[in-house]
Amino acid sequence: MYAILGFIVSSVLVIIARVSYLFFFDKSCEIQLCLLQLSETQKVMYVGVILIGSYNAHLISKGKKNSILIFEFIGTFIFAFALNFLNLG
């Protein structure tokens, strides 16, 4: 159950991180046009962030430390936001 929740929340956070980067820092194109213009490396890294977020949510729920999930999701957002600044291709 928590793995599915982690997958959904991590996916939403990656999308929010991408949109906020395009809105605040990348003025070269419209958000709708640039939202899906990702290099293959960025796509793989975003999928990795989502899968790591899902697995971490699953592991944290096993230990009954649900309050730590908030910090895990904050870290997911920060890492996904930072990936936008890398020139990967």
Protein backbone atom coordinates (compact mmCIF):
# COMPACT_ATOMS: atom_id res chain seq x y z
CA MET A 1 0.00 0.00 0.00
CA TYR A 2 2.74 2.46 0.95
CA ALA A 3 4.76 1.59 -2.14
CA ILE A 4 1.83 2.66 -4.33
CA LEU A 5 1.38 5.82 -2.28
CA GLY A 6 5.12 6.50 -2.56
CA PHE A 7 4.98 6.00 -6.33
CA ILE A 8 2.07 8.40 -6.75
CA VAL A 9 3.46 11.09 -4.45
CA SER A 10 6.97 10.83 -5.93
CA SER A 11 5.56 11.12 -9.46
CA VAL A 12 3.55 14.20 -8.54
CA LEU A 13 6.57 15.77 -6.83
CA VAL A 14 8.76 15.17 -9.89
CA ILE A 15 6.16 16.87 -12.09
CA ILE A 16 5.82 19.79 -9.65
CA ALA A 17 9.61 20.14 -9.53
CA ARG A 18 9.80 20.23 -13.34
CA VAL A 19 6.98 22.79 -13.66
CA SER A 20 8.38 25.03 -10.92
CA TYR A 21 11.83 24.96 -12.53
CA LEU A 22 10.37 25.92 -15.90
CA PHE A 23 8.21 28.64 -14.33
CA PHE A 24 10.90 30.29 -12.21
CA PHE A 25 14.22 29.63 -13.97
CA ASP A 26 13.77 28.73 -17.64
CA LYS A 27 12.25 31.61 -19.56
CA SER A 28 13.40 30.36 -22.98
CA CYS A 29 10.13 28.58 -23.84
CA GLU A 30 6.56 28.00 -22.71
CA ILE A 31 5.97 25.54 -19.88
CA GLN A 32 3.66 23.41 -22.04
CA LEU A 33 6.29 23.09 -24.76
CA CYS A 34 9.30 22.40 -22.55
CA LEU A 35 7.62 20.16 -19.97
CA LEU A 36 8.29 16.96 -21.88
CA GLN A 37 11.45 18.00 -23.73
CA LEU A 38 13.84 15.86 -21.70
CA SER A 39 17.00 14.08 -22.68
CA GLU A 40 17.13 10.33 -22.27
CA THR A 41 19.45 10.73 -19.29
CA GLN A 42 16.98 13.02 -17.52
CA LYS A 43 14.13 10.59 -18.17
CA VAL A 44 16.12 7.73 -16.66
CA MET A 45 17.09 9.83 -13.66
CA TYR A 46 13.50 10.94 -13.04
CA VAL A 47 12.29 7.34 -13.22
CA GLY A 48 15.04 6.42 -10.77
CA VAL A 49 13.92 9.15 -8.36
CA ILE A 50 10.33 7.91 -8.55
CA LEU A 51 11.33 4.28 -7.97
CA ILE A 52 13.63 5.16 -5.08
CA GLY A 53 10.83 7.21 -3.53
CA SER A 54 8.44 4.27 -3.86
CA TYR A 55 10.89 1.82 -2.34
CA ASN A 56 11.78 4.18 0.51
CA ALA A 57 8.09 4.61 1.33
CA HIS A 58 7.73 0.83 1.42
CA LEU A 59 10.75 0.40 3.70
CA ILE A 60 9.74 3.21 6.04
CA SER A 61 6.23 1.76 6.40
CA LYS A 62 7.72 -1.59 7.44
CA GLY A 63 9.47 0.13 10.33
CA LYS A 64 6.26 1.93 11.37
CA LYS A 65 8.00 5.31 11.12
CA ASN A 66 5.42 7.05 8.98
CA SER A 67 6.42 10.53 10.13
CA ILE A 68 9.74 10.11 8.30
CA LEU A 69 7.82 9.87 5.00
CA ILE A 70 7.40 13.65 4.99
CA PHE A 71 11.17 14.15 5.00
CA GLU A 72 11.61 11.49 2.33
CA PHE A 73 9.14 13.27 0.06
CA ILE A 74 10.80 16.64 0.70
CA GLY A 75 14.13 15.07 -0.29
CA THR A 76 12.53 13.62 -3.43
CA PHE A 77 11.28 17.07 -4.45
CA ILE A 78 14.63 18.75 -3.78
CA PHE A 79 16.57 16.10 -5.72
CA ALA A 80 14.15 16.22 -8.67
CA PHE A 81 14.32 20.03 -8.66
CA ALA A 82 18.13 19.94 -8.63
CA LEU A 83 18.18 17.56 -11.61
CA ASN A 84 16.73 20.34 -13.75
CA PHE A 85 19.87 22.45 -13.31
CA LEU A 86 22.20 19.78 -14.67
CA ASN A 87 23.18 20.02 -18.31
CA LEU A 88 22.80 16.37 -19.24
CA GLY A 89 22.42 16.57 -22.94
